[in-house]
Amino acid sequence: MRYIVTIIWSCLIGGVVSYVLSSMGSEPFSLEGTVALTAVFFIAIAVLGDGILKNDNSHS
């Protein structure tokens, strides 16, 4: 379930960031760029959430 929510939020944030950056650069909106940015966001969040930032409660 958390991966589904992560994909949804990655799509929303990736779309907004891609739209803002393309309009700031006076370029047309590119759906391919948005999908690529969404994939990068999803992979980064999955790696950070499951690997690097994992809570370790074994010291309690």
PDB file of N, CA and C in Angstrom:
ATOM      1  N   MET A   1       0.827  -1.199   0.000  1.00  0.00           N
ATOM      2  CA  MET A   1       0.000   0.000   0.000  1.00  0.00           C
ATOM      3  C   MET A   1       0.865   1.254   0.000  1.00  0.00           C
ATOM      4  N   ARG A   2       1.973   1.223   0.738  1.00  0.00           N
ATOM      5  CA  ARG A   2       2.797   2.432   0.806  1.00  0.00           C
ATOM      6  C   ARG A   2       3.465   2.739  -0.539  1.00  0.00           C
ATOM      7  N   TYR A   3       3.712   1.693  -1.349  1.00  0.00           N
ATOM      8  CA  TYR A   3       4.293   1.956  -2.657  1.00  0.00           C
ATOM      9  C   TYR A   3       3.278   2.598  -3.601  1.00  0.00           C
ATOM     10  N   ILE A   4       2.027   2.236  -3.468  1.00  0.00           N
ATOM     11  CA  ILE A   4       0.978   2.846  -4.299  1.00  0.00           C
ATOM     12  C   ILE A   4       0.844   4.327  -3.957  1.00  0.00           C
ATOM     13  N   VAL A   5       0.830   4.631  -2.671  1.00  0.00           N
ATOM     14  CA  VAL A   5       0.740   6.030  -2.244  1.00  0.00           C
ATOM     15  C   VAL A   5       1.991   6.792  -2.671  1.00  0.00           C
ATOM     16  N   THR A   6       3.143   6.144  -2.597  1.00  0.00           N
ATOM     17  CA  THR A   6       4.385   6.784  -3.026  1.00  0.00           C
ATOM     18  C   THR A   6       4.365   7.092  -4.516  1.00  0.00           C
ATOM     19  N   ILE A   7       3.839   6.178  -5.314  1.00  0.00           N
ATOM     20  CA  ILE A   7       3.742   6.420  -6.762  1.00  0.00           C
ATOM     21  C   ILE A   7       2.789   7.574  -7.048  1.00  0.00           C
ATOM     22  N   ILE A   8       1.665   7.620  -6.343  1.00  0.00           N
ATOM     23  CA  ILE A   8       0.702   8.709  -6.562  1.00  0.00           C
ATOM     24  C   ILE A   8       1.327  10.055  -6.219  1.00  0.00           C
ATOM     25  N   TRP A   9       1.980  10.146  -5.045  1.00  0.00           N
ATOM     26  CA  TRP A   9       2.609  11.402  -4.654  1.00  0.00           C
ATOM     27  C   TRP A   9       3.768  11.759  -5.576  1.00  0.00           C
ATOM     28  N   SER A  10       4.518  10.768  -6.042  1.00  0.00           N
ATOM     29  CA  SER A  10       5.608  11.038  -6.981  1.00  0.00           C
ATOM     30  C   SER A  10       5.072  11.599  -8.288  1.00  0.00           C
ATOM     31  N   CYS A  11       3.946  11.065  -8.751  1.00  0.00           N
ATOM     32  CA  CYS A  11       3.328  11.585  -9.976  1.00  0.00           C
ATOM     33  C   CYS A  11       2.874  13.031  -9.792  1.00  0.00           C
ATOM     34  N   LEU A  12       2.251  13.315  -8.668  1.00  0.00           N
ATOM     35  CA  LEU A  12       1.774  14.677  -8.416  1.00  0.00           C
ATOM     36  C   LEU A  12       2.932  15.666  -8.292  1.00  0.00           C
ATOM     37  N   ILE A  13       3.909  15.331  -7.489  1.00  0.00           N
ATOM     38  CA  ILE A  13       5.044  16.240  -7.289  1.00  0.00           C
ATOM     39  C   ILE A  13       5.880  16.350  -8.556  1.00  0.00           C
ATOM     40  N   GLY A  14       6.100  15.237  -9.243  1.00  0.00           N
ATOM     41  CA  GLY A  14       6.848  15.266 -10.500  1.00  0.00           C
ATOM     42  C   GLY A  14       6.164  16.106 -11.559  1.00  0.00           C
ATOM     43  N   GLY A  15       4.845  16.007 -11.640  1.00  0.00           N
ATOM     44  CA  GLY A  15       4.096  16.810 -12.605  1.00  0.00           C
ATOM     45  C   GLY A  15       4.183  18.297 -12.317  1.00  0.00           C
ATOM     46  N   VAL A  16       4.062  18.646 -11.041  1.00  0.00           N
ATOM     47  CA  VAL A  16       4.141  20.067 -10.663  1.00  0.00           C
ATOM     48  C   VAL A  16       5.535  20.620 -10.928  1.00  0.00           C
ATOM     49  N   VAL A  17       6.560  19.883 -10.521  1.00  0.00           N
ATOM     50  CA  VAL A  17       7.932  20.354 -10.725  1.00  0.00           C
ATOM     51  C   VAL A  17       8.243  20.459 -12.215  1.00  0.00           C
ATOM     52  N   SER A  18       7.830  19.479 -12.984  1.00  0.00           N
ATOM     53  CA  SER A  18       8.072  19.513 -14.422  1.00  0.00           C
ATOM     54  C   SER A  18       7.340  20.677 -15.086  1.00  0.00           C
ATOM     55  N   TYR A  19       6.112  20.934 -14.686  1.00  0.00           N
ATOM     56  CA  TYR A  19       5.348  22.048 -15.253  1.00  0.00           C
ATOM     57  C   TYR A  19       5.995  23.388 -14.925  1.00  0.00           C
ATOM     58  N   VAL A  20       6.383  23.561 -13.667  1.00  0.00           N
ATOM     59  CA  VAL A  20       6.985  24.834 -13.255  1.00  0.00           C
ATOM     60  C   VAL A  20       8.319  25.054 -13.969  1.00  0.00           C
ATOM     61  N   LEU A  21       9.156  24.028 -14.022  1.00  0.00           N
ATOM     62  CA  LEU A  21      10.457  24.190 -14.679  1.00  0.00           C
ATOM     63  C   LEU A  21      10.317  24.431 -16.176  1.00  0.00           C
ATOM     64  N   SER A  22       9.371  23.756 -16.832  1.00  0.00           N
ATOM     65  CA  SER A  22       9.195  23.974 -18.266  1.00  0.00           C
ATOM     66  C   SER A  22       8.623  25.357 -18.547  1.00  0.00           C
ATOM     67  N   SER A  23       7.742  25.861 -17.687  1.00  0.00           N
ATOM     68  CA  SER A  23       7.203  27.199 -17.927  1.00  0.00           C
ATOM     69  C   SER A  23       8.238  28.271 -17.599  1.00  0.00           C
ATOM     70  N   MET A  24       9.106  28.016 -16.640  1.00  0.00           N
ATOM     71  CA  MET A  24      10.176  28.986 -16.340  1.00  0.00           C
ATOM     72  C   MET A  24      11.189  29.058 -17.474  1.00  0.00           C
ATOM     73  N   GLY A  25      11.405  27.947 -18.148  1.00  0.00           N
ATOM     74  CA  GLY A  25      12.353  27.917 -19.255  1.00  0.00           C
ATOM     75  C   GLY A  25      11.723  28.177 -20.605  1.00  0.00           C
ATOM     76  N   SER A  26      10.451  28.544 -20.642  1.00  0.00           N
ATOM     77  CA  SER A  26       9.709  28.809 -21.884  1.00  0.00           C
ATOM     78  C   SER A  26       9.775  27.631 -22.850  1.00  0.00           C
ATOM     79  N   GLU A  27       9.709  26.432 -22.303  1.00  0.00           N
ATOM     80  CA  GLU A  27       9.702  25.211 -23.102  1.00  0.00           C
ATOM     81  C   GLU A  27       8.307  24.588 -23.032  1.00  0.00           C
ATOM     82  N   PRO A  28       7.941  23.797 -24.027  1.00  0.00           N
ATOM     83  CA  PRO A  28       6.639  23.116 -23.949  1.00  0.00           C
ATOM     84  C   PRO A  28       6.668  22.012 -22.886  1.00  0.00           C
ATOM     85  N   PHE A  29       5.508  21.763 -22.292  1.00  0.00           N
ATOM     86  CA  PHE A  29       5.394  20.719 -21.272  1.00  0.00           C
ATOM     87  C   PHE A  29       5.612  19.359 -21.907  1.00  0.00           C
ATOM     88  N   SER A  30       6.479  18.548 -21.303  1.00  0.00           N
ATOM     89  CA  SER A  30       6.821  17.239 -21.845  1.00  0.00           C
ATOM     90  C   SER A  30       6.361  16.146 -20.887  1.00  0.00           C
ATOM     91  N   LEU A  31       5.481  15.288 -21.362  1.00  0.00           N
ATOM     92  CA  LEU A  31       5.000  14.188 -20.538  1.00  0.00           C
ATOM     93  C   LEU A  31       6.105  13.162 -20.292  1.00  0.00           C
ATOM     94  N   GLU A  32       6.988  12.962 -21.253  1.00  0.00           N
ATOM     95  CA  GLU A  32       8.093  12.013 -21.086  1.00  0.00           C
ATOM     96  C   GLU A  32       9.038  12.470 -19.977  1.00  0.00           C
ATOM     97  N   GLY A  33       9.306  13.753 -19.920  1.00  0.00           N
ATOM     98  CA  GLY A  33      10.144  14.291 -18.861  1.00  0.00           C
ATOM     99  C   GLY A  33       9.491  14.153 -17.500  1.00  0.00           C
ATOM    100  N   THR A  34       8.176  14.312 -17.468  1.00  0.00           N
ATOM    101  CA  THR A  34       7.432  14.159 -16.217  1.00  0.00           C
ATOM    102  C   THR A  34       7.484  12.723 -15.727  1.00  0.00           C
ATOM    103  N   VAL A  35       7.337  11.775 -16.627  1.00  0.00           N
ATOM    104  CA  VAL A  35       7.396  10.363 -16.247  1.00  0.00           C
ATOM    105  C   VAL A  35       8.802  10.009 -15.749  1.00  0.00           C
ATOM    106  N   ALA A  36       9.822  10.534 -16.401  1.00  0.00           N
ATOM    107  CA  ALA A  36      11.193  10.275 -15.962  1.00  0.00           C
ATOM    108  C   ALA A  36      11.448  10.873 -14.583  1.00  0.00           C
ATOM    109  N   LEU A  37      10.978  12.077 -14.349  1.00  0.00           N
ATOM    110  CA  LEU A  37      11.152  12.713 -13.048  1.00  0.00           C
ATOM    111  C   LEU A  37      10.366  11.968 -11.968  1.00  0.00           C
ATOM    112  N   THR A  38       9.187  11.479 -12.309  1.00  0.00           N
ATOM    113  CA  THR A  38       8.404  10.683 -11.369  1.00  0.00           C
ATOM    114  C   THR A  38       9.137   9.403 -10.988  1.00  0.00           C
ATOM    115  N   ALA A  39       9.753   8.754 -11.967  1.00  0.00           N
ATOM    116  CA  ALA A  39      10.509   7.531 -11.682  1.00  0.00           C
ATOM    117  C   ALA A  39      11.697   7.818 -10.772  1.00  0.00           C
ATOM    118  N   VAL A  40      12.380   8.921 -11.008  1.00  0.00           N
ATOM    119  CA  VAL A  40      13.512   9.298 -10.160  1.00  0.00           C
ATOM    120  C   VAL A  40      13.043   9.577  -8.737  1.00  0.00           C
ATOM    121  N   PHE A  41      11.941  10.308  -8.588  1.00  0.00           N
ATOM    122  CA  PHE A  41      11.401  10.587  -7.257  1.00  0.00           C
ATOM    123  C   PHE A  41      11.010   9.290  -6.543  1.00  0.00           C
ATOM    124  N   PHE A  42      10.344   8.378  -7.259  1.00  0.00           N
ATOM    125  CA  PHE A  42       9.899   7.133  -6.637  1.00  0.00           C
ATOM    126  C   PHE A  42      11.083   6.281  -6.178  1.00  0.00           C
ATOM    127  N   ILE A  43      12.081   6.157  -7.015  1.00  0.00           N
ATOM    128  CA  ILE A  43      13.253   5.354  -6.652  1.00  0.00           C
ATOM    129  C   ILE A  43      13.984   5.978  -5.472  1.00  0.00           C
ATOM    130  N   ALA A  44      14.138   7.294  -5.482  1.00  0.00           N
ATOM    131  CA  ALA A  44      14.820   7.959  -4.376  1.00  0.00           C
ATOM    132  C   ALA A  44      14.062   7.793  -3.066  1.00  0.00           C
ATOM    133  N   ILE A  45      12.747   7.922  -3.101  1.00  0.00           N
ATOM    134  CA  ILE A  45      11.945   7.787  -1.888  1.00  0.00           C
ATOM    135  C   ILE A  45      11.960   6.341  -1.396  1.00  0.00           C
ATOM    136  N   ALA A  46      11.882   5.383  -2.307  1.00  0.00           N
ATOM    137  CA  ALA A  46      11.897   3.970  -1.907  1.00  0.00           C
ATOM    138  C   ALA A  46      13.239   3.598  -1.282  1.00  0.00           C
ATOM    139  N   VAL A  47      14.331   4.063  -1.869  1.00  0.00           N
ATOM    140  CA  VAL A  47      15.653   3.756  -1.320  1.00  0.00           C
ATOM    141  C   VAL A  47      15.843   4.432   0.031  1.00  0.00           C
ATOM    142  N   LEU A  48      15.458   5.679   0.127  1.00  0.00           N
ATOM    143  CA  LEU A  48      15.602   6.385   1.406  1.00  0.00           C
ATOM    144  C   LEU A  48      14.704   5.792   2.485  1.00  0.00           C
ATOM    145  N   GLY A  49      13.472   5.483   2.144  1.00  0.00           N
ATOM    146  CA  GLY A  49      12.529   4.996   3.130  1.00  0.00           C
ATOM    147  C   GLY A  49      12.814   3.585   3.606  1.00  0.00           C
ATOM    148  N   ASP A  50      13.223   2.710   2.704  1.00  0.00           N
ATOM    149  CA  ASP A  50      13.430   1.313   3.078  1.00  0.00           C
ATOM    150  C   ASP A  50      14.859   0.994   3.496  1.00  0.00           C
ATOM    151  N   GLY A  51      15.795   1.797   3.061  1.00  0.00           N
ATOM    152  CA  GLY A  51      17.176   1.465   3.348  1.00  0.00           C
ATOM    153  C   GLY A  51      17.881   2.412   4.281  1.00  0.00           C
ATOM    154  N   ILE A  52      18.056   3.616   3.852  1.00  0.00           N
ATOM    155  CA  ILE A  52      18.909   4.553   4.566  1.00  0.00           C
ATOM    156  C   ILE A  52      18.250   5.095   5.825  1.00  0.00           C
ATOM    157  N   LEU A  53      16.992   5.462   5.760  1.00  0.00           N
ATOM    158  CA  LEU A  53      16.320   6.102   6.890  1.00  0.00           C
ATOM    159  C   LEU A  53      15.461   5.131   7.701  1.00  0.00           C
ATOM    160  N   LYS A  54      15.770   3.871   7.654  1.00  0.00           N
ATOM    161  CA  LYS A  54      14.989   2.867   8.376  1.00  0.00           C
ATOM    162  C   LYS A  54      15.175   3.041   9.895  1.00  0.00           C
ATOM    163  N   ASN A  55      14.054   3.037  10.621  1.00  0.00           N
ATOM    164  CA  ASN A  55      14.130   3.149  12.078  1.00  0.00           C
ATOM    165  C   ASN A  55      14.674   1.855  12.660  1.00  0.00           C
ATOM    166  N   ASP A  56      15.602   1.996  13.564  1.00  0.00           N
ATOM    167  CA  ASP A  56      16.175   0.843  14.242  1.00  0.00           C
ATOM    168  C   ASP A  56      15.793   0.926  15.712  1.00  0.00           C
ATOM    169  N   ASN A  57      14.773   0.177  16.099  1.00  0.00           N
ATOM    170  CA  ASN A  57      14.267   0.219  17.479  1.00  0.00           C
ATOM    171  C   ASN A  57      14.833  -0.906  18.327  1.00  0.00           C
ATOM    172  N   SER A  58      15.901  -1.558  17.904  1.00  0.00           N
ATOM    173  CA  SER A  58      16.467  -2.666  18.654  1.00  0.00           C
ATOM    174  C   SER A  58      17.281  -2.201  19.855  1.00  0.00           C
ATOM    175  N   HIS A  59      17.574  -0.912  19.972  1.00  0.00           N
ATOM    176  CA  HIS A  59      18.370  -0.385  21.079  1.00  0.00           C
ATOM    177  C   HIS A  59      17.532  -0.109  22.304  1.00  0.00           C
ATOM    178  N   SER A  60      16.217  -0.287  22.235  1.00  0.00           N
ATOM    179  CA  SER A  60      15.336   0.035  23.373  1.00  0.00           C
ATOM    180  C   SER A  60      15.475  -0.944  24.503  1.00  0.00           C
TER     181      SER A  60
END
